[in-house]
């Protein structure tokens, strides 16, 4: 059965490097070091990213002018909302704001736990959305009242037609434990 999380379920916490705060949307396991973490952060100043060895990251701009990233000497610009950038958490990353404060979306997955894939759906006003698939999934709807659904493998979630255009971020989860069970 799907579980719906709303703003009251999300947790604000300081960045690992002390440079800001993050709104944590979801974490596996619930306490201590994470295997999978989904969060949003307000980036109000330029500076280095936290170091996360053994973690694959996906970062997207949600709002604001964006930022320029230096990933171990390779330049990247995140100035288009909902365009994902994949990189390794152990890479040295420096962020330079292109304007004022930005809001970003961050998916982090510990490699020894498994992997995740991320897709952005652009739901238009009046459009129904159906999420169905084999793997466990997280479905995040961005808006004034953000919502996150946790879906079990094979579960179908049907969202009624939207009143306004809203992006949906669908994250499929592939933990090694599940993969090992299927191939045993």
N, C-alpha and C. Protein backbone atom coordinates (compact mmCIF):
# COMPACT_ATOMS: atom_id res chain seq x y z
N UNK A 1 0.85 -1.17 0.00
CA UNK A 1 0.00 0.00 0.00
C UNK A 1 0.89 1.23 0.00
N UNK A 2 0.59 2.18 -0.87
CA UNK A 2 1.41 3.39 -0.95
C UNK A 2 1.27 4.20 0.34
N UNK A 3 2.34 4.93 0.64
CA UNK A 3 2.35 5.80 1.81
C UNK A 3 2.62 7.21 1.30
N UNK A 4 1.84 8.18 1.79
CA UNK A 4 2.00 9.57 1.39
C UNK A 4 2.68 10.35 2.51
N UNK A 5 3.76 11.04 2.16
CA UNK A 5 4.46 11.92 3.10
C UNK A 5 4.22 13.36 2.65
N UNK A 6 4.02 14.25 3.62
CA UNK A 6 3.80 15.66 3.33
C UNK A 6 4.79 16.50 4.14
N UNK A 7 4.68 17.81 4.03
CA UNK A 7 5.60 18.73 4.69
C UNK A 7 5.82 18.39 6.17
N UNK A 8 4.79 17.94 6.87
CA UNK A 8 4.91 17.61 8.29
C UNK A 8 5.86 16.43 8.53
N UNK A 9 6.08 15.59 7.51
CA UNK A 9 6.94 14.42 7.64
C UNK A 9 8.39 14.71 7.28
N UNK A 10 8.67 15.86 6.68
CA UNK A 10 10.01 16.19 6.23
C UNK A 10 10.81 16.80 7.38
N UNK A 11 12.14 16.62 7.35
CA UNK A 11 13.01 17.06 8.44
C UNK A 11 14.05 18.04 7.93
N UNK A 12 14.20 19.18 8.61
CA UNK A 12 15.26 20.13 8.28
C UNK A 12 16.49 19.78 9.10
N UNK A 13 17.66 19.81 8.44
CA UNK A 13 18.91 19.46 9.11
C UNK A 13 20.07 20.24 8.51
N UNK A 14 21.16 20.44 9.30
CA UNK A 14 22.31 21.18 8.78
C UNK A 14 23.09 20.35 7.75
N UNK A 15 23.75 21.05 6.83
CA UNK A 15 24.62 20.38 5.87
C UNK A 15 25.79 19.76 6.60
N UNK A 16 26.30 18.69 6.03
CA UNK A 16 27.47 18.01 6.57
C UNK A 16 28.66 18.96 6.68
N UNK A 17 28.80 19.91 5.71
CA UNK A 17 29.93 20.84 5.73
C UNK A 17 29.62 22.13 6.49
N UNK A 18 28.40 22.24 7.06
CA UNK A 18 28.04 23.40 7.86
C UNK A 18 27.63 24.64 7.06
N UNK A 19 27.54 24.54 5.72
CA UNK A 19 27.29 25.71 4.88
C UNK A 19 25.83 26.05 4.65
N UNK A 20 24.90 25.30 5.22
CA UNK A 20 23.49 25.59 4.99
C UNK A 20 22.60 24.53 5.61
N UNK A 21 21.35 24.46 5.17
CA UNK A 21 20.42 23.46 5.69
C UNK A 21 19.75 22.73 4.53
N UNK A 22 19.30 21.55 4.83
CA UNK A 22 18.62 20.67 3.88
C UNK A 22 17.29 20.26 4.46
N UNK A 23 16.29 20.17 3.61
CA UNK A 23 15.01 19.58 4.00
C UNK A 23 15.04 18.14 3.50
N UNK A 24 15.16 17.21 4.45
CA UNK A 24 15.20 15.80 4.10
C UNK A 24 13.78 15.30 3.87
N UNK A 25 13.54 14.75 2.68
CA UNK A 25 12.23 14.24 2.31
C UNK A 25 12.09 12.77 2.67
N UNK A 26 13.18 12.00 2.51
CA UNK A 26 13.13 10.56 2.75
C UNK A 26 14.54 10.05 2.96
N UNK A 27 14.66 9.01 3.82
CA UNK A 27 15.97 8.41 4.12
C UNK A 27 15.78 6.93 4.43
N UNK A 28 16.68 6.12 3.91
CA UNK A 28 16.78 4.70 4.28
C UNK A 28 18.18 4.46 4.80
N UNK A 29 18.39 3.78 5.90
CA UNK A 29 17.39 3.57 6.94
C UNK A 29 17.05 4.89 7.61
N UNK A 30 16.06 4.85 8.50
CA UNK A 30 15.52 6.07 9.10
C UNK A 30 16.53 6.84 9.94
N UNK A 31 17.47 6.19 10.60
CA UNK A 31 18.42 6.90 11.45
C UNK A 31 19.85 6.58 11.07
N UNK A 32 20.79 7.37 11.55
CA UNK A 32 22.20 7.12 11.31
C UNK A 32 22.61 7.40 9.87
N UNK A 33 23.67 6.71 9.43
CA UNK A 33 24.15 6.85 8.06
C UNK A 33 23.08 6.38 7.09
N UNK A 34 22.95 7.06 5.97
CA UNK A 34 21.92 6.70 5.00
C UNK A 34 22.46 5.75 3.93
N UNK A 35 21.55 4.95 3.38
CA UNK A 35 21.81 4.18 2.16
C UNK A 35 21.21 4.91 0.97
N UNK A 36 20.06 5.55 1.21
CA UNK A 36 19.37 6.33 0.19
C UNK A 36 18.82 7.57 0.87
N UNK A 37 18.99 8.71 0.22
CA UNK A 37 18.51 9.96 0.81
C UNK A 37 17.98 10.86 -0.30
N UNK A 38 16.82 11.43 -0.05
CA UNK A 38 16.17 12.36 -0.96
C UNK A 38 15.96 13.65 -0.20
N UNK A 39 16.42 14.78 -0.78
CA UNK A 39 16.33 16.04 -0.05
C UNK A 39 16.25 17.23 -1.00
N UNK A 40 15.92 18.38 -0.42
CA UNK A 40 15.96 19.67 -1.11
C UNK A 40 16.80 20.60 -0.25
N UNK A 41 17.53 21.49 -0.90
CA UNK A 41 18.36 22.42 -0.15
C UNK A 41 18.22 23.82 -0.72
N UNK A 42 18.23 24.80 0.16
CA UNK A 42 18.32 26.20 -0.24
C UNK A 42 19.81 26.54 -0.27
N UNK A 43 20.27 26.92 -1.44
CA UNK A 43 21.68 27.27 -1.61
C UNK A 43 21.74 28.79 -1.70
N UNK A 44 22.30 29.40 -0.67
CA UNK A 44 22.33 30.86 -0.58
C UNK A 44 23.70 31.47 -0.75
N UNK A 45 24.72 30.62 -0.88
CA UNK A 45 26.07 31.14 -1.05
C UNK A 45 26.91 30.16 -1.84
N UNK A 46 27.92 30.67 -2.51
CA UNK A 46 28.85 29.82 -3.24
C UNK A 46 29.75 29.10 -2.24
N UNK A 47 30.28 27.95 -2.66
CA UNK A 47 31.19 27.21 -1.80
C UNK A 47 31.26 25.75 -2.17
N UNK A 48 32.03 24.97 -1.40
CA UNK A 48 32.21 23.55 -1.71
C UNK A 48 31.00 22.72 -1.28
N UNK A 49 30.80 21.61 -1.98
CA UNK A 49 29.79 20.63 -1.58
C UNK A 49 30.38 19.71 -0.52
N UNK A 50 29.50 19.08 0.24
CA UNK A 50 29.93 18.07 1.19
C UNK A 50 30.49 16.86 0.43
N UNK A 51 31.37 16.15 1.08
CA UNK A 51 32.06 14.98 0.52
C UNK A 51 31.31 13.73 0.95
N UNK A 52 30.88 12.89 0.00
CA UNK A 52 30.15 11.66 0.28
C UNK A 52 30.78 10.49 -0.48
N UNK A 53 31.86 9.90 0.05
CA UNK A 53 32.50 8.79 -0.66
C UNK A 53 31.58 7.58 -0.76
N UNK A 54 31.62 6.89 -1.92
CA UNK A 54 30.81 5.69 -2.12
C UNK A 54 29.35 5.97 -2.41
N UNK A 55 29.01 7.23 -2.72
CA UNK A 55 27.62 7.62 -2.94
C UNK A 55 27.47 8.20 -4.35
N UNK A 56 26.46 7.73 -5.09
CA UNK A 56 26.10 8.33 -6.37
C UNK A 56 25.06 9.41 -6.10
N UNK A 57 25.22 10.55 -6.77
CA UNK A 57 24.33 11.69 -6.55
C UNK A 57 23.66 12.12 -7.84
N UNK A 58 22.44 12.62 -7.71
CA UNK A 58 21.73 13.29 -8.80
C UNK A 58 21.26 14.61 -8.23
N UNK A 59 21.58 15.69 -8.92
CA UNK A 59 21.26 17.04 -8.47
C UNK A 59 20.46 17.74 -9.56
N UNK A 60 19.40 18.45 -9.15
CA UNK A 60 18.60 19.24 -10.09
C UNK A 60 18.27 20.58 -9.47
N UNK A 61 18.23 21.59 -10.30
CA UNK A 61 17.74 22.90 -9.89
C UNK A 61 16.22 22.85 -9.88
N UNK A 62 15.60 23.34 -8.82
CA UNK A 62 14.14 23.46 -8.77
C UNK A 62 13.69 24.88 -9.05
N UNK A 63 14.39 25.86 -8.45
CA UNK A 63 14.05 27.26 -8.68
C UNK A 63 15.27 28.13 -8.42
N UNK A 64 15.24 29.33 -8.99
CA UNK A 64 16.35 30.27 -8.86
C UNK A 64 17.13 30.36 -10.16
N UNK A 65 18.17 31.20 -10.14
CA UNK A 65 18.99 31.41 -11.34
C UNK A 65 19.91 30.24 -11.64
N UNK A 66 20.18 29.43 -10.64
CA UNK A 66 21.04 28.27 -10.84
C UNK A 66 22.45 28.50 -10.34
N UNK A 67 23.31 27.56 -10.71
CA UNK A 67 24.69 27.64 -10.27
C UNK A 67 25.61 26.95 -11.26
N UNK A 68 26.86 27.38 -11.20
CA UNK A 68 27.91 26.75 -11.98
C UNK A 68 28.65 25.83 -11.02
N UNK A 69 28.90 24.62 -11.48
CA UNK A 69 29.63 23.65 -10.66
C UNK A 69 30.95 23.31 -11.31
N UNK A 70 31.96 23.17 -10.48
CA UNK A 70 33.25 22.64 -10.90
C UNK A 70 33.34 21.26 -10.27
N UNK A 71 33.22 20.22 -11.09
CA UNK A 71 33.30 18.84 -10.61
C UNK A 71 34.68 18.31 -10.93
N UNK A 72 35.57 18.39 -9.95
CA UNK A 72 36.95 17.91 -10.12
C UNK A 72 37.57 18.48 -11.38
N UNK A 73 37.38 19.80 -11.61
CA UNK A 73 37.98 20.48 -12.75
C UNK A 73 37.13 20.51 -14.00
N UNK A 74 35.98 19.85 -14.00
CA UNK A 74 35.10 19.84 -15.16
C UNK A 74 33.91 20.76 -14.89
N UNK A 75 33.69 21.79 -15.75
CA UNK A 75 32.61 22.74 -15.50
C UNK A 75 31.23 22.20 -15.93
N UNK A 76 30.22 22.53 -15.13
CA UNK A 76 28.82 22.20 -15.43
C UNK A 76 27.96 23.37 -14.98
N UNK A 77 26.90 23.64 -15.73
CA UNK A 77 25.93 24.69 -15.35
C UNK A 77 24.60 24.02 -15.06
N UNK A 78 24.01 24.36 -13.94
CA UNK A 78 22.64 23.95 -13.63
C UNK A 78 21.82 25.23 -13.58
N UNK A 79 21.24 25.60 -14.72
CA UNK A 79 20.44 26.82 -14.78
C UNK A 79 19.07 26.55 -15.41
N UNK A 80 18.77 25.28 -15.66
CA UNK A 80 17.47 24.87 -16.19
C UNK A 80 16.79 23.99 -15.15
N UNK A 81 15.63 24.39 -14.64
CA UNK A 81 14.95 23.56 -13.65
C UNK A 81 14.62 22.17 -14.17
N UNK A 82 14.77 21.20 -13.29
CA UNK A 82 14.40 19.81 -13.51
C UNK A 82 15.25 19.11 -14.58
N UNK A 83 16.49 19.55 -14.75
CA UNK A 83 17.44 18.87 -15.63
C UNK A 83 18.48 18.20 -14.73
N UNK A 84 18.45 16.85 -14.61
CA UNK A 84 19.32 16.17 -13.65
C UNK A 84 20.79 16.12 -14.08
N UNK A 85 21.66 16.22 -13.09
CA UNK A 85 23.10 16.06 -13.26
C UNK A 85 23.54 14.92 -12.33
N UNK A 86 24.20 13.90 -12.89
CA UNK A 86 24.69 12.75 -12.12
C UNK A 86 26.18 12.94 -11.86
N UNK A 87 26.61 12.63 -10.62
CA UNK A 87 28.03 12.67 -10.30
C UNK A 87 28.31 11.84 -9.06
N UNK A 88 29.58 11.54 -8.84
CA UNK A 88 30.01 10.73 -7.69
C UNK A 88 30.21 11.62 -6.47
N UNK A 89 29.74 11.15 -5.32
CA UNK A 89 29.83 11.92 -4.08
C UNK A 89 31.24 12.17 -3.59
N UNK A 90 32.20 11.38 -4.08
CA UNK A 90 33.59 11.59 -3.66
C UNK A 90 34.32 12.62 -4.52
N UNK A 91 33.65 13.12 -5.57
CA UNK A 91 34.25 14.16 -6.39
C UNK A 91 34.29 15.46 -5.63
N UNK A 92 35.38 16.20 -5.83
CA UNK A 92 35.46 17.55 -5.27
C UNK A 92 34.55 18.44 -6.10
N UNK A 93 33.58 19.09 -5.44
CA UNK A 93 32.61 19.92 -6.14
C UNK A 93 32.60 21.31 -5.52
N UNK A 94 32.75 22.31 -6.37
CA UNK A 94 32.63 23.69 -5.91
C UNK A 94 31.46 24.32 -6.65
N UNK A 95 30.62 25.04 -5.91
CA UNK A 95 29.41 25.67 -6.45
C UNK A 95 29.57 27.18 -6.46
N UNK A 96 29.20 27.80 -7.61
CA UNK A 96 29.17 29.26 -7.71
C UNK A 96 27.77 29.66 -8.15
N UNK A 97 27.09 30.43 -7.31
CA UNK A 97 25.75 30.89 -7.65
C UNK A 97 25.79 31.80 -8.87
N UNK A 98 24.79 31.65 -9.75
CA UNK A 98 24.69 32.50 -10.93
C UNK A 98 23.85 33.75 -10.66
N UNK A 99 23.20 33.78 -9.53
CA UNK A 99 22.37 34.91 -9.12
C UNK A 99 22.14 34.79 -7.63
N UNK A 100 20.87 34.90 -7.22
CA UNK A 100 20.53 34.78 -5.80
C UNK A 100 20.33 33.34 -5.37
N UNK A 101 19.67 33.20 -4.25
CA UNK A 101 19.42 31.89 -3.64
C UNK A 101 18.69 30.95 -4.61
N UNK A 102 19.05 29.68 -4.55
CA UNK A 102 18.44 28.64 -5.39
C UNK A 102 17.89 27.53 -4.49
N UNK A 103 16.93 26.80 -5.04
CA UNK A 103 16.43 25.59 -4.39
C UNK A 103 16.81 24.43 -5.28
N UNK A 104 17.45 23.41 -4.69
CA UNK A 104 17.83 22.24 -5.47
C UNK A 104 17.21 20.97 -4.91
N UNK A 105 17.25 19.93 -5.71
CA UNK A 105 16.72 18.61 -5.38
C UNK A 105 17.89 17.65 -5.47
N UNK A 106 18.05 16.79 -4.47
CA UNK A 106 19.24 15.96 -4.39
C UNK A 106 18.84 14.52 -4.06
N UNK A 107 19.28 13.58 -4.88
CA UNK A 107 19.12 12.15 -4.63
C UNK A 107 20.51 11.59 -4.40
N UNK A 108 20.69 10.87 -3.29
CA UNK A 108 21.97 10.24 -2.98
C UNK A 108 21.73 8.76 -2.66
N UNK A 109 22.53 7.90 -3.29
CA UNK A 109 22.40 6.46 -3.11
C UNK A 109 23.78 5.87 -2.86
N UNK A 110 23.91 5.17 -1.73
CA UNK A 110 25.18 4.50 -1.42
C UNK A 110 25.33 3.31 -2.37
N UNK A 111 26.46 3.25 -3.08
CA UNK A 111 26.68 2.21 -4.10
C UNK A 111 26.60 0.80 -3.54
N UNK A 112 27.04 0.60 -2.31
CA UNK A 112 26.98 -0.77 -1.76
C UNK A 112 25.56 -1.16 -1.34
N UNK A 113 24.61 -0.21 -1.35
CA UNK A 113 23.20 -0.52 -1.12
C UNK A 113 22.50 -0.90 -2.42
N UNK A 114 22.82 -0.17 -3.50
CA UNK A 114 22.16 -0.42 -4.78
C UNK A 114 22.24 0.81 -5.66
N UNK A 115 21.20 1.00 -6.46
CA UNK A 115 21.15 2.15 -7.36
C UNK A 115 19.71 2.63 -7.49
N UNK A 116 19.58 3.80 -8.09
CA UNK A 116 18.25 4.38 -8.34
C UNK A 116 18.28 5.10 -9.68
N UNK A 117 17.15 5.13 -10.34
CA UNK A 117 17.03 5.92 -11.57
C UNK A 117 15.99 7.01 -11.33
N UNK A 118 16.16 8.13 -12.00
CA UNK A 118 15.30 9.29 -11.78
C UNK A 118 14.77 9.78 -13.13
N UNK A 119 13.46 10.03 -13.17
CA UNK A 119 12.81 10.60 -14.36
C UNK A 119 11.92 11.75 -13.93
N UNK A 120 11.88 12.78 -14.75
CA UNK A 120 11.01 13.92 -14.49
C UNK A 120 9.84 13.84 -15.46
N UNK A 121 8.63 13.91 -14.92
CA UNK A 121 7.41 13.95 -15.72
C UNK A 121 6.85 15.36 -15.61
N UNK A 122 6.44 15.92 -16.71
CA UNK A 122 5.86 17.26 -16.71
C UNK A 122 4.35 17.14 -16.84
N UNK A 123 3.71 17.09 -15.70
CA UNK A 123 2.25 16.92 -15.64
C UNK A 123 1.56 18.25 -15.93
N UNK A 124 0.69 18.27 -16.92
CA UNK A 124 -0.03 19.49 -17.29
C UNK A 124 -1.36 19.57 -16.54
N UNK A 125 -1.86 20.79 -16.44
CA UNK A 125 -3.17 21.00 -15.80
C UNK A 125 -4.22 20.16 -16.51
N UNK A 126 -5.09 19.52 -15.74
CA UNK A 126 -6.15 18.68 -16.28
C UNK A 126 -5.71 17.29 -16.67
N UNK A 127 -4.44 16.96 -16.47
CA UNK A 127 -3.91 15.67 -16.88
C UNK A 127 -3.83 14.71 -15.70
N UNK A 128 -4.32 13.49 -15.89
CA UNK A 128 -4.19 12.43 -14.90
C UNK A 128 -2.79 11.86 -15.02
N UNK A 129 -2.26 11.30 -13.93
CA UNK A 129 -0.94 10.66 -13.98
C UNK A 129 -1.06 9.28 -13.34
N UNK A 130 -0.52 8.27 -14.02
CA UNK A 130 -0.51 6.91 -13.48
C UNK A 130 0.93 6.44 -13.38
N UNK A 131 1.33 6.03 -12.19
CA UNK A 131 2.66 5.47 -11.96
C UNK A 131 2.49 3.98 -11.71
N UNK A 132 3.05 3.18 -12.59
CA UNK A 132 3.02 1.73 -12.37
C UNK A 132 4.35 1.16 -12.86
N UNK A 133 4.85 0.21 -12.13
CA UNK A 133 6.13 -0.39 -12.51
C UNK A 133 6.51 -1.50 -11.57
N UNK A 134 7.50 -2.24 -11.97
CA UNK A 134 7.95 -3.39 -11.19
C UNK A 134 8.71 -3.00 -9.93
N UNK A 135 9.65 -2.02 -10.00
CA UNK A 135 10.44 -1.75 -8.79
C UNK A 135 9.69 -0.88 -7.79
N UNK A 136 10.22 -0.87 -6.57
CA UNK A 136 9.74 0.10 -5.58
C UNK A 136 10.08 1.48 -6.13
N UNK A 137 9.23 2.47 -5.80
CA UNK A 137 9.42 3.80 -6.34
C UNK A 137 9.09 4.87 -5.31
N UNK A 138 9.67 6.02 -5.53
CA UNK A 138 9.30 7.24 -4.82
C UNK A 138 8.78 8.18 -5.89
N UNK A 139 7.69 8.87 -5.61
CA UNK A 139 7.12 9.83 -6.55
C UNK A 139 6.95 11.15 -5.80
N UNK A 140 7.69 12.16 -6.24
CA UNK A 140 7.67 13.46 -5.58
C UNK A 140 6.96 14.48 -6.47
N UNK A 141 5.95 15.16 -5.90
CA UNK A 141 5.25 16.23 -6.60
C UNK A 141 5.69 17.55 -5.99
N UNK A 142 6.29 18.39 -6.83
CA UNK A 142 6.80 19.67 -6.36
C UNK A 142 5.73 20.74 -6.50
N UNK A 143 5.57 21.54 -5.48
CA UNK A 143 4.60 22.62 -5.50
C UNK A 143 4.54 23.29 -4.14
N UNK A 144 3.54 24.14 -3.95
CA UNK A 144 3.38 24.84 -2.68
C UNK A 144 3.21 23.85 -1.52
N UNK A 145 2.52 22.77 -1.77
CA UNK A 145 2.36 21.70 -0.77
C UNK A 145 3.00 20.43 -1.33
N UNK A 146 4.31 20.28 -1.15
CA UNK A 146 5.01 19.13 -1.73
C UNK A 146 4.50 17.81 -1.13
N UNK A 147 4.47 16.79 -2.00
CA UNK A 147 4.02 15.46 -1.56
C UNK A 147 4.98 14.41 -2.08
N UNK A 148 5.18 13.37 -1.29
CA UNK A 148 6.05 12.26 -1.67
C UNK A 148 5.33 10.95 -1.37
N UNK A 149 5.16 10.14 -2.41
CA UNK A 149 4.56 8.82 -2.25
C UNK A 149 5.64 7.77 -2.24
N UNK A 150 5.51 6.79 -1.34
CA UNK A 150 6.38 5.62 -1.30
C UNK A 150 5.57 4.46 -1.86
N UNK A 151 6.04 3.86 -2.95
CA UNK A 151 5.29 2.82 -3.64
C UNK A 151 6.05 1.50 -3.59
N UNK A 152 5.33 0.44 -3.28
CA UNK A 152 5.90 -0.90 -3.24
C UNK A 152 6.05 -1.45 -4.66
N UNK A 153 6.90 -2.48 -4.85
CA UNK A 153 7.04 -3.07 -6.19
C UNK A 153 5.68 -3.51 -6.75
N UNK A 154 5.43 -3.14 -8.00
CA UNK A 154 4.20 -3.53 -8.68
C UNK A 154 2.98 -2.69 -8.35
N UNK A 155 3.11 -1.79 -7.40
CA UNK A 155 1.97 -0.96 -6.99
C UNK A 155 1.67 0.12 -8.02
N UNK A 156 0.40 0.41 -8.21
CA UNK A 156 -0.05 1.43 -9.15
C UNK A 156 -0.60 2.61 -8.34
N UNK A 157 -0.20 3.81 -8.73
CA UNK A 157 -0.74 5.02 -8.11
C UNK A 157 -1.33 5.88 -9.22
N UNK A 158 -2.59 6.23 -9.08
CA UNK A 158 -3.27 7.06 -10.06
C UNK A 158 -3.57 8.40 -9.40
N UNK A 159 -3.04 9.48 -9.97
CA UNK A 159 -3.28 10.82 -9.46
C UNK A 159 -4.37 11.47 -10.31
N UNK A 160 -5.35 12.04 -9.65
CA UNK A 160 -6.46 12.72 -10.33
C UNK A 160 -5.91 13.86 -11.18
N UNK A 161 -6.69 14.32 -12.14
CA UNK A 161 -6.23 15.43 -12.97
C UNK A 161 -5.79 16.62 -12.12
N UNK A 162 -4.67 17.21 -12.51
CA UNK A 162 -4.09 18.32 -11.77
C UNK A 162 -4.83 19.62 -12.11
N UNK A 163 -4.91 20.51 -11.11
CA UNK A 163 -5.50 21.83 -11.34
C UNK A 163 -4.50 22.76 -12.02
N UNK A 164 -3.22 22.53 -11.76
CA UNK A 164 -2.16 23.36 -12.34
C UNK A 164 -1.04 22.45 -12.82
N UNK A 165 -0.21 22.96 -13.72
CA UNK A 165 0.94 22.19 -14.18
C UNK A 165 1.89 21.96 -13.01
N UNK A 166 2.34 20.73 -12.88
CA UNK A 166 3.24 20.39 -11.78
C UNK A 166 4.24 19.35 -12.25
N UNK A 167 5.51 19.55 -11.95
CA UNK A 167 6.48 18.50 -12.25
C UNK A 167 6.39 17.37 -11.23
N UNK A 168 6.57 16.16 -11.72
CA UNK A 168 6.63 14.97 -10.86
C UNK A 168 7.99 14.33 -11.07
N UNK A 169 8.63 13.95 -10.00
CA UNK A 169 9.93 13.29 -10.07
C UNK A 169 9.72 11.85 -9.61
N UNK A 170 9.99 10.90 -10.50
CA UNK A 170 9.80 9.48 -10.21
C UNK A 170 11.18 8.84 -10.06
N UNK A 171 11.38 8.17 -8.92
CA UNK A 171 12.66 7.54 -8.62
C UNK A 171 12.41 6.05 -8.42
N UNK A 172 13.01 5.23 -9.28
CA UNK A 172 12.91 3.78 -9.17
C UNK A 172 14.09 3.28 -8.35
N UNK A 173 13.82 2.36 -7.42
CA UNK A 173 14.84 1.87 -6.49
C UNK A 173 15.24 0.44 -6.84
N UNK A 174 16.55 0.21 -6.88
CA UNK A 174 17.09 -1.11 -7.20
C UNK A 174 18.12 -1.52 -6.15
N UNK A 175 17.67 -1.91 -4.94
CA UNK A 175 18.61 -2.33 -3.91
C UNK A 175 19.27 -3.66 -4.30
N UNK A 176 20.55 -3.81 -3.95
CA UNK A 176 21.26 -5.06 -4.25
C UNK A 176 20.56 -6.26 -3.63
N UNK A 177 19.99 -6.11 -2.44
CA UNK A 177 19.34 -7.23 -1.76
C UNK A 177 18.20 -7.79 -2.59
N UNK A 178 17.45 -6.93 -3.26
CA UNK A 178 16.36 -7.36 -4.12
C UNK A 178 16.90 -8.04 -5.37
N UNK A 179 17.95 -7.46 -5.96
CA UNK A 179 18.56 -8.02 -7.16
C UNK A 179 19.14 -9.40 -6.88
N UNK A 180 19.83 -9.53 -5.74
CA UNK A 180 20.43 -10.81 -5.36
C UNK A 180 19.37 -11.88 -5.15
N UNK A 181 18.21 -11.50 -4.55
CA UNK A 181 17.12 -12.44 -4.31
C UNK A 181 16.54 -12.92 -5.62
N UNK A 182 16.36 -12.01 -6.59
CA UNK A 182 15.79 -12.38 -7.87
C UNK A 182 16.69 -13.30 -8.68
N UNK A 183 18.01 -13.16 -8.54
CA UNK A 183 18.95 -13.94 -9.33
C UNK A 183 19.44 -15.19 -8.62
N UNK A 184 18.97 -15.44 -7.41
CA UNK A 184 19.44 -16.59 -6.64
C UNK A 184 18.82 -17.89 -7.16
